[in-house]
């Protein structure tokens, strides 16, 4: 297995130390596995997409604005 060094804020480290029973390395590995799975799924979905990066950015901004507008009215 390859080792990796990870920098975290002191406050987070203090909170982690409150739970020494947790294998924090395994927690980090699981989080990385989940992120890799999500990225692979996104790549698979987007493999046949005709949407350009510019189109995706524009669409993303429109969605963000609509969501923000919805929550402002609540």
PDB file of N, CA and C in Angstrom:
ATOM      1  N   UNK A   1       0.851  -1.173   0.000  1.00  0.00           N
ATOM      2  CA  UNK A   1       0.000   0.000   0.000  1.00  0.00           C
ATOM      3  C   UNK A   1       0.900   1.241   0.000  1.00  0.00           C
ATOM      4  N   UNK A   2       0.487   2.260  -0.702  1.00  0.00           N
ATOM      5  CA  UNK A   2       1.221   3.514  -0.794  1.00  0.00           C
ATOM      6  C   UNK A   2       0.773   4.433   0.335  1.00  0.00           C
ATOM      7  N   UNK A   3       1.713   5.184   0.900  1.00  0.00           N
ATOM      8  CA  UNK A   3       1.375   6.147   1.954  1.00  0.00           C
ATOM      9  C   UNK A   3       1.124   7.514   1.344  1.00  0.00           C
ATOM     10  N   UNK A   4       0.236   8.261   2.014  1.00  0.00           N
ATOM     11  CA  UNK A   4      -0.098   9.610   1.570  1.00  0.00           C
ATOM     12  C   UNK A   4      -0.173  10.499   2.811  1.00  0.00           C
ATOM     13  N   UNK A   5       0.412  11.674   2.745  1.00  0.00           N
ATOM     14  CA  UNK A   5       0.350  12.618   3.855  1.00  0.00           C
ATOM     15  C   UNK A   5      -0.767  13.601   3.585  1.00  0.00           C
ATOM     16  N   UNK A   6      -1.533  13.888   4.613  1.00  0.00           N
ATOM     17  CA  UNK A   6      -2.696  14.743   4.482  1.00  0.00           C
ATOM     18  C   UNK A   6      -2.613  15.856   5.522  1.00  0.00           C
ATOM     19  N   UNK A   7      -2.766  17.097   5.110  1.00  0.00           N
ATOM     20  CA  UNK A   7      -2.776  18.223   6.039  1.00  0.00           C
ATOM     21  C   UNK A   7      -4.220  18.578   6.377  1.00  0.00           C
ATOM     22  N   UNK A   8      -4.484  18.732   7.674  1.00  0.00           N
ATOM     23  CA  UNK A   8      -5.819  19.115   8.133  1.00  0.00           C
ATOM     24  C   UNK A   8      -5.681  20.244   9.143  1.00  0.00           C
ATOM     25  N   UNK A   9      -6.733  21.044   9.308  1.00  0.00           N
ATOM     26  CA  UNK A   9      -6.684  22.133  10.294  1.00  0.00           C
ATOM     27  C   UNK A   9      -6.549  21.572  11.718  1.00  0.00           C
ATOM     28  N   UNK A  10      -5.897  22.351  12.589  1.00  0.00           N
ATOM     29  CA  UNK A  10      -5.704  21.922  13.979  1.00  0.00           C
ATOM     30  C   UNK A  10      -7.027  21.619  14.672  1.00  0.00           C
ATOM     31  N   UNK A  11      -8.049  22.431  14.390  1.00  0.00           N
ATOM     32  CA  UNK A  11      -9.349  22.232  15.034  1.00  0.00           C
ATOM     33  C   UNK A  11      -9.928  20.863  14.683  1.00  0.00           C
ATOM     34  N   UNK A  12      -9.778  20.472  13.426  1.00  0.00           N
ATOM     35  CA  UNK A  12     -10.285  19.177  12.987  1.00  0.00           C
ATOM     36  C   UNK A  12      -9.518  18.049  13.673  1.00  0.00           C
ATOM     37  N   UNK A  13      -8.216  18.192  13.773  1.00  0.00           N
ATOM     38  CA  UNK A  13      -7.384  17.191  14.445  1.00  0.00           C
ATOM     39  C   UNK A  13      -7.810  17.033  15.903  1.00  0.00           C
ATOM     40  N   UNK A  14      -8.102  18.139  16.575  1.00  0.00           N
ATOM     41  CA  UNK A  14      -8.550  18.072  17.972  1.00  0.00           C
ATOM     42  C   UNK A  14      -9.851  17.289  18.091  1.00  0.00           C
ATOM     43  N   UNK A  15     -10.768  17.513  17.159  1.00  0.00           N
ATOM     44  CA  UNK A  15     -12.032  16.780  17.181  1.00  0.00           C
ATOM     45  C   UNK A  15     -11.814  15.295  16.910  1.00  0.00           C
ATOM     46  N   UNK A  16     -10.907  14.995  15.993  1.00  0.00           N
ATOM     47  CA  UNK A  16     -10.601  13.598  15.695  1.00  0.00           C
ATOM     48  C   UNK A  16     -10.013  12.901  16.921  1.00  0.00           C
ATOM     49  N   UNK A  17      -9.210  13.613  17.680  1.00  0.00           N
ATOM     50  CA  UNK A  17      -8.574  13.034  18.863  1.00  0.00           C
ATOM     51  C   UNK A  17      -9.588  12.692  19.951  1.00  0.00           C
ATOM     52  N   UNK A  18     -10.776  13.273  19.880  1.00  0.00           N
ATOM     53  CA  UNK A  18     -11.833  12.934  20.838  1.00  0.00           C
ATOM     54  C   UNK A  18     -12.389  11.534  20.593  1.00  0.00           C
ATOM     55  N   UNK A  19     -12.051  10.959  19.428  1.00  0.00           N
ATOM     56  CA  UNK A  19     -12.538   9.628  19.044  1.00  0.00           C
ATOM     57  C   UNK A  19     -11.376   8.751  18.578  1.00  0.00           C
ATOM     58  N   UNK A  20     -10.514   8.367  19.526  1.00  0.00           N
ATOM     59  CA  UNK A  20      -9.350   7.549  19.145  1.00  0.00           C
ATOM     60  C   UNK A  20      -9.733   6.143  18.671  1.00  0.00           C
ATOM     61  N   UNK A  21     -10.972   5.744  18.935  1.00  0.00           N
ATOM     62  CA  UNK A  21     -11.410   4.410  18.510  1.00  0.00           C
ATOM     63  C   UNK A  21     -11.655   4.340  16.999  1.00  0.00           C
ATOM     64  N   UNK A  22     -11.719   5.487  16.362  1.00  0.00           N
ATOM     65  CA  UNK A  22     -11.980   5.544  14.918  1.00  0.00           C
ATOM     66  C   UNK A  22     -10.666   5.394  14.152  1.00  0.00           C
ATOM     67  N   UNK A  23     -10.699   4.571  13.111  1.00  0.00           N
ATOM     68  CA  UNK A  23      -9.548   4.419  12.224  1.00  0.00           C
ATOM     69  C   UNK A  23      -9.671   5.512  11.160  1.00  0.00           C
ATOM     70  N   UNK A  24      -9.067   6.655  11.431  1.00  0.00           N
ATOM     71  CA  UNK A  24      -9.225   7.816  10.554  1.00  0.00           C
ATOM     72  C   UNK A  24      -8.622   7.587   9.176  1.00  0.00           C
ATOM     73  N   UNK A  25      -7.620   6.747   9.091  1.00  0.00           N
ATOM     74  CA  UNK A  25      -7.054   6.408   7.772  1.00  0.00           C
ATOM     75  C   UNK A  25      -8.094   5.693   6.923  1.00  0.00           C
ATOM     76  N   UNK A  26      -8.844   4.790   7.549  1.00  0.00           N
ATOM     77  CA  UNK A  26      -9.886   4.074   6.808  1.00  0.00           C
ATOM     78  C   UNK A  26     -11.011   5.016   6.415  1.00  0.00           C
ATOM     79  N   UNK A  27     -11.338   5.963   7.274  1.00  0.00           N
ATOM     80  CA  UNK A  27     -12.363   6.964   6.945  1.00  0.00           C
ATOM     81  C   UNK A  27     -11.923   7.752   5.705  1.00  0.00           C
ATOM     82  N   UNK A  28     -10.660   8.163   5.669  1.00  0.00           N
ATOM     83  CA  UNK A  28     -10.136   8.907   4.519  1.00  0.00           C
ATOM     84  C   UNK A  28     -10.143   8.040   3.264  1.00  0.00           C
ATOM     85  N   UNK A  29      -9.730   6.778   3.397  1.00  0.00           N
ATOM     86  CA  UNK A  29      -9.739   5.874   2.231  1.00  0.00           C
ATOM     87  C   UNK A  29     -11.153   5.705   1.688  1.00  0.00           C
ATOM     88  N   UNK A  30     -12.119   5.533   2.586  1.00  0.00           N
ATOM     89  CA  UNK A  30     -13.509   5.363   2.149  1.00  0.00           C
ATOM     90  C   UNK A  30     -14.018   6.608   1.438  1.00  0.00           C
ATOM     91  N   UNK A  31     -13.680   7.785   1.956  1.00  0.00           N
ATOM     92  CA  UNK A  31     -14.108   9.037   1.322  1.00  0.00           C
ATOM     93  C   UNK A  31     -13.493   9.173  -0.071  1.00  0.00           C
ATOM     94  N   UNK A  32     -12.238   8.797  -0.192  1.00  0.00           N
ATOM     95  CA  UNK A  32     -11.567   8.868  -1.496  1.00  0.00           C
ATOM     96  C   UNK A  32     -12.204   7.875  -2.464  1.00  0.00           C
ATOM     97  N   UNK A  33     -12.502   6.656  -1.976  1.00  0.00           N
ATOM     98  CA  UNK A  33     -13.178   5.666  -2.834  1.00  0.00           C
ATOM     99  C   UNK A  33     -14.528   6.189  -3.325  1.00  0.00           C
ATOM    100  N   UNK A  34     -15.309   6.796  -2.418  1.00  0.00           N
ATOM    101  CA  UNK A  34     -16.619   7.344  -2.811  1.00  0.00           C
ATOM    102  C   UNK A  34     -16.453   8.432  -3.878  1.00  0.00           C
ATOM    103  N   UNK A  35     -15.488   9.312  -3.684  1.00  0.00           N
ATOM    104  CA  UNK A  35     -15.267  10.399  -4.650  1.00  0.00           C
ATOM    105  C   UNK A  35     -14.852   9.828  -6.003  1.00  0.00           C
ATOM    106  N   UNK A  36     -13.959   8.842  -6.013  1.00  0.00           N
ATOM    107  CA  UNK A  36     -13.528   8.199  -7.264  1.00  0.00           C
ATOM    108  C   UNK A  36     -14.725   7.557  -7.958  1.00  0.00           C
ATOM    109  N   UNK A  37     -15.589   6.887  -7.194  1.00  0.00           N
ATOM    110  CA  UNK A  37     -16.786   6.257  -7.765  1.00  0.00           C
ATOM    111  C   UNK A  37     -17.672   7.320  -8.432  1.00  0.00           C
ATOM    112  N   UNK A  38     -17.886   8.420  -7.748  1.00  0.00           N
ATOM    113  CA  UNK A  38     -18.715   9.499  -8.301  1.00  0.00           C
ATOM    114  C   UNK A  38     -18.093  10.053  -9.577  1.00  0.00           C
ATOM    115  N   UNK A  39     -16.787  10.278  -9.563  1.00  0.00           N
ATOM    116  CA  UNK A  39     -16.102  10.812 -10.749  1.00  0.00           C
ATOM    117  C   UNK A  39     -16.181   9.845 -11.927  1.00  0.00           C
ATOM    118  N   UNK A  40     -16.006   8.557 -11.664  1.00  0.00           N
ATOM    119  CA  UNK A  40     -16.118   7.565 -12.743  1.00  0.00           C
ATOM    120  C   UNK A  40     -17.528   7.542 -13.318  1.00  0.00           C
ATOM    121  N   UNK A  41     -18.520   7.627 -12.430  1.00  0.00           N
ATOM    122  CA  UNK A  41     -19.913   7.638 -12.891  1.00  0.00           C
ATOM    123  C   UNK A  41     -20.185   8.887 -13.735  1.00  0.00           C
ATOM    124  N   UNK A  42     -19.670  10.018 -13.294  1.00  0.00           N
ATOM    125  CA  UNK A  42     -19.840  11.254 -14.073  1.00  0.00           C
ATOM    126  C   UNK A  42     -19.168  11.121 -15.440  1.00  0.00           C
ATOM    127  N   UNK A  43     -17.961  10.569 -15.461  1.00  0.00           N
ATOM    128  CA  UNK A  43     -17.263  10.364 -16.733  1.00  0.00           C
ATOM    129  C   UNK A  43     -18.070   9.453 -17.660  1.00  0.00           C
ATOM    130  N   UNK A  44     -18.656   8.391 -17.084  1.00  0.00           N
ATOM    131  CA  UNK A  44     -19.458   7.464 -17.891  1.00  0.00           C
ATOM    132  C   UNK A  44     -20.685   8.163 -18.471  1.00  0.00           C
ATOM    133  N   UNK A  45     -21.354   8.937 -17.645  1.00  0.00           N
ATOM    134  CA  UNK A  45     -22.555   9.646 -18.095  1.00  0.00           C
ATOM    135  C   UNK A  45     -22.216  10.677 -19.165  1.00  0.00           C
ATOM    136  N   UNK A  46     -21.092  11.362 -18.973  1.00  0.00           N
ATOM    137  CA  UNK A  46     -20.733  12.450 -19.885  1.00  0.00           C
ATOM    138  C   UNK A  46     -19.981  11.991 -21.129  1.00  0.00           C
ATOM    139  N   UNK A  47     -19.621  10.712 -21.198  1.00  0.00           N
ATOM    140  CA  UNK A  47     -18.812  10.210 -22.311  1.00  0.00           C
ATOM    141  C   UNK A  47     -19.454  10.479 -23.669  1.00  0.00           C
ATOM    142  N   UNK A  48     -20.760  10.388 -23.766  1.00  0.00           N
ATOM    143  CA  UNK A  48     -21.443  10.581 -25.045  1.00  0.00           C
ATOM    144  C   UNK A  48     -22.150  11.934 -25.141  1.00  0.00           C
ATOM    145  N   UNK A  49     -21.855  12.808 -24.210  1.00  0.00           N
ATOM    146  CA  UNK A  49     -22.519  14.108 -24.182  1.00  0.00           C
ATOM    147  C   UNK A  49     -21.985  15.017 -25.290  1.00  0.00           C
ATOM    148  N   UNK A  50     -22.880  15.778 -25.874  1.00  0.00           N
ATOM    149  CA  UNK A  50     -22.485  16.761 -26.888  1.00  0.00           C
ATOM    150  C   UNK A  50     -22.413  18.155 -26.276  1.00  0.00           C
ATOM    151  N   UNK A  51     -22.634  18.247 -24.980  1.00  0.00           N
ATOM    152  CA  UNK A  51     -22.598  19.514 -24.274  1.00  0.00           C
ATOM    153  C   UNK A  51     -21.147  19.944 -24.113  1.00  0.00           C
ATOM    154  N   UNK A  52     -20.838  21.179 -24.532  1.00  0.00           N
ATOM    155  CA  UNK A  52     -19.475  21.674 -24.372  1.00  0.00           C
ATOM    156  C   UNK A  52     -19.267  22.141 -22.931  1.00  0.00           C
ATOM    157  N   UNK A  53     -18.023  22.346 -22.561  1.00  0.00           N
ATOM    158  CA  UNK A  53     -17.732  22.835 -21.208  1.00  0.00           C
ATOM    159  C   UNK A  53     -18.374  24.206 -20.995  1.00  0.00           C
ATOM    160  N   UNK A  54     -18.318  25.048 -22.014  1.00  0.00           N
ATOM    161  CA  UNK A  54     -18.923  26.381 -21.918  1.00  0.00           C
ATOM    162  C   UNK A  54     -20.440  26.258 -21.721  1.00  0.00           C
ATOM    163  N   UNK A  55     -21.073  25.359 -22.482  1.00  0.00           N
ATOM    164  CA  UNK A  55     -22.519  25.129 -22.332  1.00  0.00           C
ATOM    165  C   UNK A  55     -22.854  24.650 -20.913  1.00  0.00           C
ATOM    166  N   UNK A  56     -22.019  23.752 -20.386  1.00  0.00           N
ATOM    167  CA  UNK A  56     -22.255  23.211 -19.048  1.00  0.00           C
ATOM    168  C   UNK A  56     -22.137  24.304 -17.988  1.00  0.00           C
ATOM    169  N   UNK A  57     -21.185  25.205 -18.156  1.00  0.00           N
ATOM    170  CA  UNK A  57     -21.014  26.312 -17.211  1.00  0.00           C
ATOM    171  C   UNK A  57     -22.227  27.226 -17.246  1.00  0.00           C
ATOM    172  N   UNK A  58     -22.679  27.555 -18.430  1.00  0.00           N
ATOM    173  CA  UNK A  58     -23.856  28.423 -18.579  1.00  0.00           C
ATOM    174  C   UNK A  58     -25.083  27.759 -17.947  1.00  0.00           C
ATOM    175  N   UNK A  59     -25.274  26.479 -18.239  1.00  0.00           N
ATOM    176  CA  UNK A  59     -26.403  25.748 -17.682  1.00  0.00           C
ATOM    177  C   UNK A  59     -26.303  25.682 -16.152  1.00  0.00           C
ATOM    178  N   UNK A  60     -25.113  25.433 -15.643  1.00  0.00           N
ATOM    179  CA  UNK A  60     -24.898  25.376 -14.202  1.00  0.00           C
ATOM    180  C   UNK A  60     -25.239  26.691 -13.522  1.00  0.00           C
ATOM    181  N   UNK A  61     -24.858  27.783 -14.148  1.00  0.00           N
ATOM    182  CA  UNK A  61     -25.171  29.103 -13.582  1.00  0.00           C
ATOM    183  C   UNK A  61     -26.673  29.348 -13.558  1.00  0.00           C
ATOM    184  N   UNK A  62     -27.363  28.911 -14.617  1.00  0.00           N
ATOM    185  CA  UNK A  62     -28.821  29.080 -14.659  1.00  0.00           C
ATOM    186  C   UNK A  62     -29.490  28.264 -13.555  1.00  0.00           C
ATOM    187  N   UNK A  63     -29.022  27.041 -13.370  1.00  0.00           N
ATOM    188  CA  UNK A  63     -29.593  26.182 -12.326  1.00  0.00           C
ATOM    189  C   UNK A  63     -29.329  26.795 -10.957  1.00  0.00           C
ATOM    190  N   UNK A  64     -28.115  27.255 -10.730  1.00  0.00           N
ATOM    191  CA  UNK A  64     -27.759  27.869  -9.445  1.00  0.00           C
ATOM    192  C   UNK A  64     -28.645  29.069  -9.161  1.00  0.00           C
ATOM    193  N   UNK A  65     -28.884  29.904 -10.171  1.00  0.00           N
ATOM    194  CA  UNK A  65     -29.725  31.092  -9.992  1.00  0.00           C
ATOM    195  C   UNK A  65     -31.154  30.683  -9.662  1.00  0.00           C
ATOM    196  N   UNK A  66     -31.685  29.698 -10.376  1.00  0.00           N
ATOM    197  CA  UNK A  66     -33.057  29.243 -10.115  1.00  0.00           C
ATOM    198  C   UNK A  66     -33.193  28.694  -8.690  1.00  0.00           C
ATOM    199  N   UNK A  67     -32.206  27.904  -8.253  1.00  0.00           N
ATOM    200  CA  UNK A  67     -32.251  27.342  -6.900  1.00  0.00           C
ATOM    201  C   UNK A  67     -32.165  28.466  -5.870  1.00  0.00           C
ATOM    202  N   UNK A  68     -31.258  29.425  -6.100  1.00  0.00           N
ATOM    203  CA  UNK A  68     -31.123  30.548  -5.169  1.00  0.00           C
ATOM    204  C   UNK A  68     -32.413  31.352  -5.112  1.00  0.00           C
ATOM    205  N   UNK A  69     -33.020  31.605  -6.262  1.00  0.00           N
ATOM    206  CA  UNK A  69     -34.281  32.349  -6.305  1.00  0.00           C
ATOM    207  C   UNK A  69     -35.370  31.610  -5.535  1.00  0.00           C
ATOM    208  N   UNK A  70     -35.386  30.280  -5.671  1.00  0.00           N
ATOM    209  CA  UNK A  70     -36.398  29.480  -4.979  1.00  0.00           C
ATOM    210  C   UNK A  70     -36.242  29.608  -3.472  1.00  0.00           C
ATOM    211  N   UNK A  71     -35.009  29.545  -2.972  1.00  0.00           N
ATOM    212  CA  UNK A  71     -34.799  29.617  -1.537  1.00  0.00           C
ATOM    213  C   UNK A  71     -34.974  31.037  -1.000  1.00  0.00           C
ATOM    214  N   UNK A  72     -34.772  32.038  -1.827  1.00  0.00           N
ATOM    215  CA  UNK A  72     -35.018  33.416  -1.389  1.00  0.00           C
ATOM    216  C   UNK A  72     -36.500  33.661  -1.157  1.00  0.00           C
ATOM    217  N   UNK A  73     -37.329  32.983  -1.934  1.00  0.00           N
ATOM    218  CA  UNK A  73     -38.780  33.200  -1.832  1.00  0.00           C
ATOM    219  C   UNK A  73     -39.418  32.368  -0.721  1.00  0.00           C
ATOM    220  N   UNK A  74     -38.660  31.481  -0.107  1.00  0.00           N
ATOM    221  CA  UNK A  74     -39.216  30.601   0.947  1.00  0.00           C
ATOM    222  C   UNK A  74     -39.210  31.300   2.280  1.00  0.00           C
TER     223      UNK A  74
END
